[in-house]
Amino acid sequence: MPNTKSAAKRLRQARSRTLRNRSAKSELRTSIKKVRQALDRGNRDAAMVAFQAAVATIDKTASKGVIHSRTAARYKSRLARHLHTRGSAA
């Protein structure tokens, strides 16, 4: 329970930012999951399209400050590696 007006404002800001960040992270995880599911089904074309969408989502999430830029780079690197190793075998 905030004791001052500024603390009350900070609480309101934190709640709205938490909702925004949670939504962005959910969208990020969903886009990554779509790439992995397409690869599991063996659909390389769909995986490539999903990969491009996932990279855009990852970059957008990093630019907004929801995730760190190095975390974004790690996600993209792992997805690309997953795509090239699993995608070529399928």
C-alpha atoms as a PDB file:
ATOM      1  CA  MET A   1       0.000   0.000   0.000  1.00  0.00           C
ATOM      2  CA  PRO A   2       1.624   3.263  -1.116  1.00  0.00           C
ATOM      3  CA  ASN A   3       2.049   6.008   1.455  1.00  0.00           C
ATOM      4  CA  THR A   4       2.629   8.947  -0.886  1.00  0.00           C
ATOM      5  CA  LYS A   5       1.146  10.248  -4.114  1.00  0.00           C
ATOM      6  CA  SER A   6       4.335   9.508  -6.005  1.00  0.00           C
ATOM      7  CA  ALA A   7       4.389   5.943  -4.686  1.00  0.00           C
ATOM      8  CA  ALA A   8       0.766   5.500  -5.772  1.00  0.00           C
ATOM      9  CA  LYS A   9       1.653   6.738  -9.256  1.00  0.00           C
ATOM     10  CA  ARG A  10       4.636   4.404  -9.403  1.00  0.00           C
ATOM     11  CA  LEU A  11       2.346   1.507  -8.456  1.00  0.00           C
ATOM     12  CA  ARG A  12      -0.066   2.405 -11.266  1.00  0.00           C
ATOM     13  CA  GLN A  13       2.790   2.683 -13.735  1.00  0.00           C
ATOM     14  CA  ALA A  14       4.267  -0.627 -12.636  1.00  0.00           C
ATOM     15  CA  ARG A  15       0.940  -2.406 -13.059  1.00  0.00           C
ATOM     16  CA  SER A  16       0.358  -1.077 -16.572  1.00  0.00           C
ATOM     17  CA  ARG A  17       3.946  -1.840 -17.607  1.00  0.00           C
ATOM     18  CA  THR A  18       3.698  -5.323 -16.160  1.00  0.00           C
ATOM     19  CA  LEU A  19       0.639  -6.023 -18.290  1.00  0.00           C
ATOM     20  CA  ARG A  20       2.317  -4.617 -21.398  1.00  0.00           C
ATOM     21  CA  ASN A  21       5.503  -6.604 -20.803  1.00  0.00           C
ATOM     22  CA  ARG A  22       3.589  -9.794 -20.062  1.00  0.00           C
ATOM     23  CA  SER A  23       1.695  -9.446 -23.327  1.00  0.00           C
ATOM     24  CA  ALA A  24       4.904  -8.814 -25.274  1.00  0.00           C
ATOM     25  CA  LYS A  25       6.652 -11.812 -23.713  1.00  0.00           C
ATOM     26  CA  SER A  26       3.658 -14.015 -24.453  1.00  0.00           C
ATOM     27  CA  GLU A  27       3.714 -12.932 -28.098  1.00  0.00           C
ATOM     28  CA  LEU A  28       7.457 -13.610 -28.175  1.00  0.00           C
ATOM     29  CA  ARG A  29       7.112 -17.123 -26.775  1.00  0.00           C
ATOM     30  CA  THR A  30       4.256 -17.904 -29.158  1.00  0.00           C
ATOM     31  CA  SER A  31       6.267 -16.835 -32.197  1.00  0.00           C
ATOM     32  CA  ILE A  32       9.219 -18.990 -31.114  1.00  0.00           C
ATOM     33  CA  LYS A  33       6.902 -21.917 -30.497  1.00  0.00           C
ATOM     34  CA  LYS A  34       5.453 -21.618 -34.021  1.00  0.00           C
ATOM     35  CA  VAL A  35       8.907 -22.050 -35.545  1.00  0.00           C
ATOM     36  CA  ARG A  36       9.622 -25.127 -33.438  1.00  0.00           C
ATOM     37  CA  GLN A  37       6.223 -26.669 -34.195  1.00  0.00           C
ATOM     38  CA  ALA A  38       6.693 -26.159 -37.940  1.00  0.00           C
ATOM     39  CA  LEU A  39      10.084 -27.865 -37.726  1.00  0.00           C
ATOM     40  CA  ASP A  40       8.647 -30.750 -35.717  1.00  0.00           C
ATOM     41  CA  ARG A  41       6.026 -31.260 -38.431  1.00  0.00           C
ATOM     42  CA  GLY A  42       8.809 -31.204 -41.017  1.00  0.00           C
ATOM     43  CA  ASN A  43       7.392 -28.204 -42.855  1.00  0.00           C
ATOM     44  CA  ARG A  44      10.509 -26.215 -43.767  1.00  0.00           C
ATOM     45  CA  ASP A  45       8.701 -23.511 -45.744  1.00  0.00           C
ATOM     46  CA  ALA A  46       6.330 -22.738 -42.893  1.00  0.00           C
ATOM     47  CA  ALA A  47       9.274 -22.788 -40.500  1.00  0.00           C
ATOM     48  CA  MET A  48      11.132 -20.202 -42.587  1.00  0.00           C
ATOM     49  CA  VAL A  49       8.112 -17.896 -42.668  1.00  0.00           C
ATOM     50  CA  ALA A  50       7.576 -18.368 -38.933  1.00  0.00           C
ATOM     51  CA  PHE A  51      11.296 -17.754 -38.332  1.00  0.00           C
ATOM     52  CA  GLN A  52      11.173 -14.400 -40.123  1.00  0.00           C
ATOM     53  CA  ALA A  53       8.113 -13.387 -38.092  1.00  0.00           C
ATOM     54  CA  ALA A  54       9.787 -14.567 -34.880  1.00  0.00           C
ATOM     55  CA  VAL A  55      12.941 -12.556 -35.584  1.00  0.00           C
ATOM     56  CA  ALA A  56      10.829  -9.443 -36.116  1.00  0.00           C
ATOM     57  CA  THR A  57       8.983 -10.086 -32.861  1.00  0.00           C
ATOM     58  CA  ILE A  58      12.232 -10.733 -30.983  1.00  0.00           C
ATOM     59  CA  ASP A  59      13.774  -7.511 -32.318  1.00  0.00           C
ATOM     60  CA  LYS A  60      10.675  -5.509 -31.466  1.00  0.00           C
ATOM     61  CA  THR A  61      10.576  -6.935 -27.950  1.00  0.00           C
ATOM     62  CA  ALA A  62      14.250  -6.107 -27.423  1.00  0.00           C
ATOM     63  CA  SER A  63      13.869  -2.578 -28.780  1.00  0.00           C
ATOM     64  CA  LYS A  64      11.040  -1.922 -26.329  1.00  0.00           C
ATOM     65  CA  GLY A  65      13.270  -3.015 -23.449  1.00  0.00           C
ATOM     66  CA  VAL A  66      11.178  -6.028 -22.476  1.00  0.00           C
ATOM     67  CA  ILE A  67      14.160  -8.328 -22.995  1.00  0.00           C
ATOM     68  CA  HIS A  68      17.853  -7.516 -23.172  1.00  0.00           C
ATOM     69  CA  SER A  69      19.489  -7.193 -26.568  1.00  0.00           C
ATOM     70  CA  ARG A  70      21.847 -10.080 -25.839  1.00  0.00           C
ATOM     71  CA  THR A  71      18.921 -12.260 -24.837  1.00  0.00           C
ATOM     72  CA  ALA A  72      17.324 -11.409 -28.182  1.00  0.00           C
ATOM     73  CA  ALA A  73      20.524 -12.331 -29.982  1.00  0.00           C
ATOM     74  CA  ARG A  74      20.664 -15.642 -28.132  1.00  0.00           C
ATOM     75  CA  TYR A  75      17.047 -16.455 -29.034  1.00  0.00           C
ATOM     76  CA  LYS A  76      17.656 -15.666 -32.704  1.00  0.00           C
ATOM     77  CA  SER A  77      20.886 -17.637 -32.793  1.00  0.00           C
ATOM     78  CA  ARG A  78      19.338 -20.717 -31.234  1.00  0.00           C
ATOM     79  CA  LEU A  79      16.310 -20.552 -33.515  1.00  0.00           C
ATOM     80  CA  ALA A  80      18.494 -20.183 -36.597  1.00  0.00           C
ATOM     81  CA  ARG A  81      20.679 -23.086 -35.511  1.00  0.00           C
ATOM     82  CA  HIS A  82      17.591 -25.189 -34.835  1.00  0.00           C
ATOM     83  CA  LEU A  83      16.181 -24.262 -38.237  1.00  0.00           C
ATOM     84  CA  HIS A  84      19.362 -25.106 -40.157  1.00  0.00           C
ATOM     85  CA  THR A  85      20.099 -28.391 -38.394  1.00  0.00           C
ATOM     86  CA  ARG A  86      16.567 -29.779 -38.156  1.00  0.00           C
ATOM     87  CA  GLY A  87      15.327 -28.151 -41.339  1.00  0.00           C
ATOM     88  CA  SER A  88      17.992 -29.602 -43.612  1.00  0.00           C
ATOM     89  CA  ALA A  89      17.485 -33.149 -42.283  1.00  0.00           C
ATOM     90  CA  ALA A  90      13.730 -33.063 -42.833  1.00  0.00           C
END
